[in-house]
Amino acid sequence: MSAPQAASGVSTAASPAAAAPVLSVEGFSLTFDAKAQTNLVEDVSFSVAPGRTLCIVGESGCGKSVTSLALMGLLPSPPARIVSGTARFEGSDLFAMSERARADLRGNEMAMIFQEPMTSLNPAFTIGHQIAEGIIRHRKLSKAQARAEALKMLEWVRIPAAAKRLDAYPHQLSGGMRQRVMIAMALANRPKLLIADEPTTALDVTIQAQILALVRRIQQETGTAMILITHDLGVVAEVADDVAVMYAGRIVESGPVEAIFADPQHPYTIGLFGSVPSLERRQGRLATIKGAVPPLQLMPKGCRFAPRCPFADTRCHEQVPPTVSFGAGHKAACWYAPIEQTMGATQ
C-alpha cells in the first residue's frame, strides 16, 4: 500500500543529501545536577535532512535517549537543565520555544517511537482510540474522520485485519503488532521528523527485520527525516545514511555510514566494531572494551574515553581532544586521529 494521500505532497525531486536540514543541533549541553563539574551531555552537534536517517549509536548510558527526549521536550525541568546550544527545527530553536509551541509540534511535525510499546500504549484504551486522539488534537477532524484515518494508518503499516484491530486493546496484540501501532501513531500526522528510540530492541530477529523494512519503506514514501537511536551496529548498517557515535555524552565520531564502517577513526568506534560477532570463521575471542561509561560525578577531565582507551597518554587524560575532519563529513574527536598515520609514526 502506498502512503496515505495526505503524505503525497512530499517532493522527492531534490536529492535529500542536498536539502536543508530539518533539524540542526549545535553545541547542545545538558545537566541533571546544577552542582556537577561536568555536563551529562556535552557540546553535541548533528543535523538530519529530509529523507535521510541519522543513527546515533553507543552503549547504554552514553546519553542517546536523554538527547532525544530533550529534543522532544519530554524531560522534566528541573532537574534537567539545558546549559547551552541550539536545536533548530526548520529554522526555529526548539529550546527557545514555549511549552505550548512545543506541544503543538510534538506528535504533529515531530514524532517519536519509544523503545517498549507495551509501556508506551495506554492499556485502558483501544488502539483506534489512541491513534485517533493525536489526529483530532492536531488536525481538528471529527471522531468519525479520525477513526477512518486511524484505519488507513493501520493498513499502511500492514497490520493484519486492520479494521478488527481498531477495537483491540494493546495486550491483545503481539509485540511486533504493538510496535507497528506505535509507528502508525507516530506517523499519523505526517511528521517531518521522526525520532525512533531503540524501536526493535524488544523484538525477535524475524520481527525486527520486518519492522526495519517497514521503516525504510515508509521513509521512501514520505521523505521523513529520521533519527534512530540504537546500540545495534547491525541495525545501523541496515538503515543509516549517516552515523553519530556517542560516548559519555559526547559525539566522538560522525559521518556517512560508509565512511564509519570502512574507516573508523576513534578508538571507541573501533572497539565497537571489534565486539560484533561475525558469520565468518572466527579466530580467538571477540574483542571487548574494558570498563564502563563513567557516571556524571566521575567524568574525566580530558577525553571521556581515556580511562578505557588502549592508546591514551597524559594529554588524553588532561585535554579535550580536537575534532579532526577527514573530508566528506567524516569527523572524529581524538588526539590520535587519523589513527593509522599517527600510530604508524609512533611505532
Protein backbone atom coordinates (compact mmCIF):
# COMPACT_ATOMS: atom_id res chain seq x y z
CA MET A 1 0.00 0.00 0.00
CA SER A 2 1.32 3.45 -0.87
CA ALA A 3 1.47 6.29 1.61
CA PRO A 4 -1.87 7.82 2.65
CA GLN A 5 -2.96 10.69 0.42
CA ALA A 6 -2.02 13.49 2.83
CA ALA A 7 1.62 12.47 2.60
CA SER A 8 1.80 12.73 -1.19
CA GLY A 9 2.84 16.39 -1.11
CA VAL A 10 6.42 15.48 -0.19
CA SER A 11 8.70 16.20 -3.10
CA THR A 12 11.47 13.74 -3.92
CA ALA A 13 12.83 15.69 -6.88
CA ALA A 14 15.77 17.13 -4.97
CA SER A 15 18.48 14.96 -3.52
CA PRO A 16 17.82 14.50 0.22
CA ALA A 17 21.53 14.93 0.97
CA ALA A 18 21.49 18.37 -0.68
CA ALA A 19 18.34 19.59 1.08
CA ALA A 20 18.44 21.95 4.05
CA PRO A 21 18.36 20.08 7.37
CA VAL A 22 15.02 19.53 9.02
CA LEU A 23 16.83 19.57 12.37
CA SER A 24 20.22 21.07 13.17
CA VAL A 25 21.66 20.73 16.68
CA GLU A 26 24.67 22.87 17.61
CA GLY A 27 26.69 22.82 20.83
CA PHE A 28 23.97 21.15 22.91
CA SER A 29 24.89 20.59 26.57
CA LEU A 30 22.59 19.34 29.33
CA THR A 31 22.86 18.51 33.02
CA PHE A 32 20.70 16.99 35.74
CA ASP A 33 22.89 18.28 38.55
CA ALA A 34 23.48 22.02 38.83
CA LYS A 35 26.41 21.37 41.20
CA ALA A 36 28.17 18.91 38.86
CA GLN A 37 31.52 19.99 37.42
CA THR A 38 30.69 18.49 34.02
CA ASN A 39 27.55 18.07 31.90
CA LEU A 40 25.78 14.80 31.22
CA VAL A 41 25.53 15.72 27.51
CA GLU A 42 28.39 17.91 26.33
CA ASP A 43 28.74 20.03 23.16
CA VAL A 44 26.70 17.74 20.90
CA SER A 45 26.18 18.78 17.27
CA PHE A 46 24.48 16.97 14.37
CA SER A 47 21.89 17.51 11.66
CA VAL A 48 19.45 15.41 9.65
CA ALA A 49 17.95 16.23 6.24
CA PRO A 50 14.64 15.20 4.65
CA GLY A 51 14.56 11.56 3.57
CA ARG A 52 17.74 10.67 5.44
CA THR A 53 18.35 8.55 8.53
CA LEU A 54 20.86 9.57 11.19
CA CYS A 55 21.74 6.74 13.56
CA ILE A 56 23.04 7.77 16.98
CA VAL A 57 24.91 4.75 18.29
CA GLY A 58 26.61 3.90 21.56
CA GLU A 59 26.34 1.70 24.63
CA SER A 60 23.75 2.16 27.38
CA GLY A 61 24.31 5.26 29.48
CA CYS A 62 26.04 7.33 26.81
CA GLY A 63 23.27 9.95 26.54
CA LYS A 64 21.43 8.87 23.37
CA SER A 65 17.93 8.66 24.83
CA VAL A 66 18.37 11.75 27.00
CA THR A 67 19.29 13.74 23.90
CA SER A 68 16.21 12.53 22.02
CA LEU A 69 13.89 13.29 24.96
CA ALA A 70 15.37 16.79 25.28
CA LEU A 71 14.68 17.42 21.59
CA MET A 72 11.07 16.31 22.06
CA GLY A 73 10.67 18.48 25.16
CA LEU A 74 9.90 15.47 27.35
CA LEU A 75 12.47 15.94 30.12
CA PRO A 76 11.18 17.37 33.42
CA SER A 77 12.78 20.70 34.28
CA PRO A 78 14.01 20.68 36.97
CA PRO A 79 16.06 18.54 37.34
CA ALA A 80 17.00 18.61 33.63
CA ARG A 81 18.58 21.88 32.54
CA ILE A 82 19.83 22.83 29.08
CA VAL A 83 23.16 24.55 29.67
CA SER A 84 23.93 25.71 26.14
CA GLY A 85 23.30 25.14 22.45
CA THR A 86 20.52 25.35 19.89
CA ALA A 87 18.26 22.83 18.19
CA ARG A 88 16.78 24.43 15.08
CA PHE A 89 13.74 22.68 13.64
CA GLU A 90 13.08 24.23 10.23
CA GLY A 91 14.83 27.38 11.45
CA SER A 92 13.10 27.75 14.83
CA ASP A 93 15.04 26.96 18.01
CA LEU A 94 13.22 24.24 19.93
CA PHE A 95 14.95 25.19 23.18
CA ALA A 96 13.66 28.78 22.96
CA MET A 97 10.02 27.79 22.34
CA SER A 98 7.23 27.95 24.87
CA GLU A 99 5.82 24.68 26.20
CA ARG A 100 2.60 25.33 24.26
CA ALA A 101 4.51 25.71 20.99
CA ARG A 102 6.48 22.52 21.71
CA ALA A 103 3.22 20.66 22.40
CA ASP A 104 1.84 21.82 19.05
CA LEU A 105 4.92 20.41 17.29
CA ARG A 106 5.10 17.19 19.30
CA GLY A 107 3.06 14.41 17.69
CA ASN A 108 2.45 16.63 14.69
CA GLU A 109 5.58 17.85 12.88
CA MET A 110 7.88 15.94 15.24
CA ALA A 111 7.07 12.45 16.48
CA MET A 112 8.75 9.74 18.50
CA ILE A 113 8.64 5.94 18.62
CA PHE A 114 9.59 4.64 22.05
CA GLN A 115 11.55 1.53 22.93
CA GLU A 116 8.85 -0.54 24.62
CA PRO A 117 5.36 -0.22 23.11
CA MET A 118 3.64 -2.07 25.94
CA THR A 119 4.58 0.67 28.39
CA SER A 120 4.02 3.47 25.85
CA LEU A 121 0.49 2.45 24.82
CA ASN A 122 -2.33 3.07 27.30
CA PRO A 123 -3.78 -0.32 28.34
CA ALA A 124 -7.17 1.26 29.13
CA PHE A 125 -7.94 2.47 25.60
CA THR A 126 -8.32 0.73 22.25
CA ILE A 127 -5.74 1.03 19.51
CA GLY A 128 -8.13 3.03 17.33
CA HIS A 129 -8.86 5.49 20.12
CA GLN A 130 -5.17 6.13 20.80
CA ILE A 131 -4.27 6.77 17.15
CA ALA A 132 -7.36 8.94 16.61
CA GLU A 133 -6.63 11.04 19.71
CA GLY A 134 -3.48 12.55 18.18
CA ILE A 135 -5.19 13.09 14.83
CA ILE A 136 -8.05 15.01 16.50
CA ARG A 137 -5.60 17.06 18.60
CA HIS A 138 -3.56 18.30 15.66
CA ARG A 139 -5.81 18.07 12.58
CA LYS A 140 -9.19 19.04 14.06
CA LEU A 141 -11.09 16.17 12.46
CA SER A 142 -14.32 14.65 13.77
CA LYS A 143 -14.22 11.38 15.67
CA ALA A 144 -15.54 9.50 12.65
CA GLN A 145 -12.97 11.08 10.33
CA ALA A 146 -10.16 10.42 12.78
CA ARG A 147 -11.22 6.78 13.13
CA ALA A 148 -11.16 6.43 9.33
CA GLU A 149 -7.65 7.93 9.29
CA ALA A 150 -6.58 5.55 12.04
CA LEU A 151 -7.77 2.62 9.95
CA LYS A 152 -5.76 3.89 6.96
CA MET A 153 -2.66 4.13 9.14
CA LEU A 154 -3.06 0.55 10.42
CA GLU A 155 -3.43 -0.66 6.85
CA TRP A 156 -0.40 1.40 5.83
CA VAL A 157 1.82 -0.28 8.42
CA ARG A 158 0.35 -3.64 7.33
CA ILE A 159 -1.49 -4.68 10.47
CA PRO A 160 -3.45 -7.85 9.59
CA ALA A 161 -7.26 -7.45 9.83
CA ALA A 162 -6.78 -3.72 10.46
CA ALA A 163 -10.48 -2.97 10.87
CA LYS A 164 -10.75 -5.54 13.64
CA ARG A 165 -7.60 -4.30 15.39
CA LEU A 166 -9.04 -0.78 15.73
CA ASP A 167 -11.14 -2.01 18.66
CA ALA A 168 -8.42 -4.20 20.19
CA TYR A 169 -6.52 -3.29 23.35
CA PRO A 170 -2.69 -3.31 23.48
CA HIS A 171 -2.50 -6.55 25.48
CA GLN A 172 -4.41 -8.32 22.71
CA LEU A 173 -1.64 -7.68 20.16
CA SER A 174 1.76 -9.29 19.71
CA GLY A 175 4.95 -7.30 20.33
CA GLY A 176 5.52 -6.81 16.61
CA MET A 177 1.97 -5.56 16.05
CA ARG A 178 2.21 -3.19 19.02
CA GLN A 179 5.36 -1.70 17.53
CA ARG A 180 3.56 -1.27 14.20
CA VAL A 181 0.80 0.53 16.08
CA MET A 182 3.40 2.85 17.62
CA ILE A 183 4.76 3.59 14.15
CA ALA A 184 1.24 4.25 12.84
CA MET A 185 0.57 6.58 15.78
CA ALA A 186 3.83 8.46 15.29
CA LEU A 187 3.23 8.93 11.55
CA ALA A 188 -0.49 9.68 11.70
CA ASN A 189 0.03 13.42 11.23
CA ARG A 190 2.81 13.05 8.62
CA PRO A 191 5.68 14.46 10.73
CA LYS A 192 8.72 15.99 9.10
CA LEU A 193 10.98 14.44 11.75
CA LEU A 194 10.68 11.01 13.34
CA ILE A 195 12.80 10.00 16.34
CA ALA A 196 12.91 6.25 16.99
CA ASP A 197 14.47 5.18 20.30
CA GLU A 198 15.59 1.53 20.10
CA PRO A 199 12.39 0.58 18.21
CA THR A 200 13.36 -3.08 17.67
CA THR A 201 15.21 -3.96 20.89
CA ALA A 202 12.37 -5.98 22.47
CA LEU A 203 11.55 -7.90 19.26
CA ASP A 204 12.88 -11.20 17.95
CA VAL A 205 15.13 -11.19 14.90
CA THR A 206 12.41 -12.01 12.35
CA ILE A 207 10.03 -9.30 13.58
CA GLN A 208 12.94 -6.87 13.89
CA ALA A 209 13.73 -7.35 10.18
CA GLN A 210 10.07 -6.73 9.30
CA ILE A 211 9.94 -3.52 11.34
CA LEU A 212 13.18 -2.20 9.79
CA ALA A 213 11.86 -2.97 6.31
CA LEU A 214 8.63 -1.15 7.20
CA VAL A 215 10.51 1.91 8.44
CA ARG A 216 12.63 2.04 5.26
CA ARG A 217 9.54 1.74 3.04
CA ILE A 218 7.66 4.46 4.88
CA GLN A 219 10.62 6.82 4.75
CA GLN A 220 10.98 6.29 0.99
CA GLU A 221 7.28 7.06 0.52
CA THR A 222 7.13 10.14 2.76
CA GLY A 223 10.60 11.71 2.72
CA THR A 224 10.53 11.96 6.52
CA ALA A 225 13.83 12.75 8.24
CA MET A 226 14.62 10.16 10.92
CA ILE A 227 16.89 9.93 13.95
CA LEU A 228 17.33 6.32 15.02
CA ILE A 229 18.74 5.70 18.49
CA THR A 230 20.41 2.29 18.79
CA HIS A 231 23.33 0.29 20.16
CA ASP A 232 22.98 -2.37 17.45
CA LEU A 233 25.52 -1.95 14.63
CA GLY A 234 23.55 -4.43 12.52
CA VAL A 235 20.59 -2.06 12.58
CA VAL A 236 22.92 0.84 11.73
CA ALA A 237 24.26 -0.99 8.67
CA GLU A 238 20.70 -1.77 7.61
CA VAL A 239 19.09 1.68 7.73
CA ALA A 240 21.59 4.51 8.31
CA ASP A 241 22.66 7.19 5.87
CA ASP A 242 24.72 8.99 8.49
CA VAL A 243 26.09 7.91 11.87
CA ALA A 244 26.98 9.72 15.09
CA VAL A 245 28.90 7.61 17.60
CA MET A 246 28.23 8.81 21.15
CA TYR A 247 30.24 8.10 24.27
CA ALA A 248 29.67 9.50 27.78
CA GLY A 249 27.57 12.39 26.50
CA ARG A 250 29.85 13.44 23.64
CA ILE A 251 29.85 12.60 19.95
CA VAL A 252 33.27 11.07 19.34
CA GLU A 253 32.88 10.27 15.64
CA SER A 254 30.38 11.09 12.90
CA GLY A 255 29.98 10.84 9.16
CA PRO A 256 28.36 8.91 6.30
CA VAL A 257 27.67 5.29 7.21
CA GLU A 258 30.05 4.01 4.51
CA ALA A 259 32.96 6.02 5.94
CA ILE A 260 32.28 4.97 9.52
CA PHE A 261 32.12 1.27 8.64
CA ALA A 262 35.01 1.29 6.17
CA ASP A 263 37.43 3.52 8.07
CA PRO A 264 36.55 4.08 11.77
CA GLN A 265 38.93 6.59 13.32
CA HIS A 266 38.04 6.82 17.01
CA PRO A 267 39.29 4.04 19.35
CA TYR A 268 35.78 3.70 20.79
CA THR A 269 34.25 3.18 17.35
CA ILE A 270 36.96 0.64 16.53
CA GLY A 271 36.22 -1.14 19.79
CA LEU A 272 32.50 -1.30 18.99
CA PHE A 273 33.18 -2.92 15.63
CA GLY A 274 35.64 -5.33 17.20
CA SER A 275 32.98 -6.59 19.62
CA VAL A 276 30.47 -7.53 16.90
CA PRO A 277 30.18 -11.26 16.10
CA SER A 278 30.87 -12.32 12.51
CA LEU A 279 29.36 -15.10 10.42
CA GLU A 280 32.84 -15.86 9.13
CA ARG A 281 35.08 -18.32 10.92
CA ARG A 282 36.45 -16.59 13.98
CA GLN A 283 39.97 -16.79 15.36
CA GLY A 284 40.08 -16.40 19.15
CA ARG A 285 37.67 -14.44 21.34
CA LEU A 286 35.65 -11.35 20.47
CA ALA A 287 37.27 -8.05 21.38
CA THR A 288 35.90 -6.23 24.42
CA ILE A 289 36.08 -2.67 25.71
CA LYS A 290 37.18 -2.88 29.33
CA GLY A 291 35.42 -0.80 31.95
CA ALA A 292 32.14 1.08 31.78
CA VAL A 293 30.75 4.52 30.91
CA PRO A 294 31.71 6.79 33.83
CA PRO A 295 28.99 8.37 35.98
CA LEU A 296 28.45 12.13 35.81
CA GLN A 297 30.36 12.73 39.05
CA LEU A 298 33.47 10.92 37.72
CA MET A 299 33.70 12.25 34.16
CA PRO A 300 37.38 12.52 33.12
CA LYS A 301 38.84 15.97 32.60
CA GLY A 302 40.08 15.38 29.05
CA CYS A 303 38.82 12.74 26.65
CA ARG A 304 35.96 10.91 28.35
CA PHE A 305 37.04 7.62 26.77
CA ALA A 306 40.64 7.93 28.01
CA PRO A 307 40.28 5.60 31.06
CA ARG A 308 39.19 2.77 28.72
CA CYS A 309 41.36 3.61 25.71
CA PRO A 310 44.42 1.44 24.94
CA PHE A 311 46.17 4.38 23.24
CA ALA A 312 45.57 7.08 25.89
CA ASP A 313 48.50 9.15 27.15
CA THR A 314 48.80 12.04 29.63
CA ARG A 315 47.46 14.55 27.11
CA CYS A 316 44.32 12.44 26.56
CA HIS A 317 43.60 12.47 30.30
CA GLU A 318 44.15 16.22 30.67
CA GLN A 319 42.86 17.91 27.49
CA VAL A 320 39.65 17.61 25.47
CA PRO A 321 40.69 16.33 22.00
CA PRO A 322 40.14 18.42 18.88
CA THR A 323 37.72 17.30 16.17
CA VAL A 324 39.63 16.16 13.08
CA SER A 325 37.96 16.17 9.66
CA PHE A 326 38.72 13.52 7.03
CA GLY A 327 36.52 15.01 4.30
CA ALA A 328 33.02 14.16 3.07
CA GLY A 329 31.58 14.92 6.51
CA HIS A 330 33.64 12.28 8.36
CA LYS A 331 34.96 13.60 11.70
CA ALA A 332 36.47 12.18 14.87
CA ALA A 333 37.43 13.75 18.20
CA CYS A 334 40.72 12.06 19.06
CA TRP A 335 44.30 13.20 19.64
CA TYR A 336 45.49 10.22 17.59
CA ALA A 337 43.32 10.81 14.51
CA PRO A 338 43.99 9.94 11.72
CA ILE A 339 44.75 6.85 13.71
CA GLU A 340 46.68 4.82 11.09
CA GLN A 341 49.00 7.72 10.30
CA THR A 342 49.59 8.76 13.92
CA MET A 343 50.04 5.27 15.30
CA GLY A 344 52.35 4.37 12.42
CA ALA A 345 54.51 7.39 13.19
CA THR A 346 54.83 6.45 16.86
CA GLN A 347 55.90 2.87 16.21
